[in-house]
């Protein structure tokens, strides 16, 4: 489970999450 901060960041930059993975 990700905190709200991370959740908002992923929502704003979902591409970054994919790059990190």
N, C-alpha and C. Protein backbone atom coordinates (compact mmCIF):
# COMPACT_ATOMS: atom_id res chain seq x y z
N UNK A 1 0.85 -1.21 0.00
CA UNK A 1 0.00 0.00 0.00
C UNK A 1 0.89 1.25 0.00
N UNK A 2 0.63 2.15 -0.93
CA UNK A 2 1.45 3.37 -0.99
C UNK A 2 0.75 4.53 -0.27
N UNK A 3 1.55 5.37 0.34
CA UNK A 3 0.98 6.53 1.03
C UNK A 3 0.28 7.48 0.07
N UNK A 4 -0.45 8.43 0.60
CA UNK A 4 -1.16 9.37 -0.29
C UNK A 4 -0.18 10.15 -1.16
N UNK A 5 0.94 10.53 -0.59
CA UNK A 5 1.94 11.28 -1.37
C UNK A 5 2.36 10.49 -2.61
N UNK A 6 2.70 9.24 -2.40
CA UNK A 6 3.14 8.42 -3.55
C UNK A 6 1.97 8.23 -4.51
N UNK A 7 0.81 8.05 -3.95
CA UNK A 7 -0.38 7.82 -4.82
C UNK A 7 -0.58 9.06 -5.71
N UNK A 8 -0.48 10.22 -5.14
CA UNK A 8 -0.67 11.45 -5.96
C UNK A 8 0.44 11.56 -7.00
N UNK A 9 1.64 11.24 -6.60
CA UNK A 9 2.77 11.34 -7.55
C UNK A 9 2.54 10.36 -8.71
N UNK A 10 2.14 9.17 -8.41
CA UNK A 10 1.91 8.19 -9.48
C UNK A 10 0.79 8.69 -10.39
N UNK A 11 -0.19 9.29 -9.80
CA UNK A 11 -1.34 9.77 -10.61
C UNK A 11 -0.84 10.93 -11.50
N UNK A 12 0.01 11.76 -10.96
CA UNK A 12 0.52 12.90 -11.76
C UNK A 12 1.53 12.41 -12.80
N UNK A 13 2.37 11.49 -12.42
CA UNK A 13 3.38 10.98 -13.39
C UNK A 13 3.40 9.46 -13.40
N UNK A 14 2.40 8.86 -13.97
CA UNK A 14 2.34 7.40 -14.05
C UNK A 14 3.50 6.86 -14.89
N UNK A 15 3.98 7.67 -15.81
CA UNK A 15 5.10 7.20 -16.67
C UNK A 15 6.35 7.02 -15.80
N UNK A 16 6.52 7.87 -14.84
CA UNK A 16 7.75 7.77 -14.01
C UNK A 16 7.72 6.42 -13.26
N UNK A 17 6.58 6.05 -12.80
CA UNK A 17 6.47 4.77 -12.07
C UNK A 17 6.91 3.63 -12.99
N UNK A 18 6.48 3.68 -14.22
CA UNK A 18 6.85 2.61 -15.16
C UNK A 18 8.37 2.62 -15.41
N UNK A 19 8.92 3.80 -15.48
CA UNK A 19 10.38 3.90 -15.71
C UNK A 19 11.13 3.34 -14.50
N UNK A 20 10.62 3.62 -13.33
CA UNK A 20 11.29 3.12 -12.10
C UNK A 20 11.23 1.59 -12.08
N UNK A 21 10.12 1.05 -12.51
CA UNK A 21 9.97 -0.41 -12.51
C UNK A 21 10.93 -0.98 -13.55
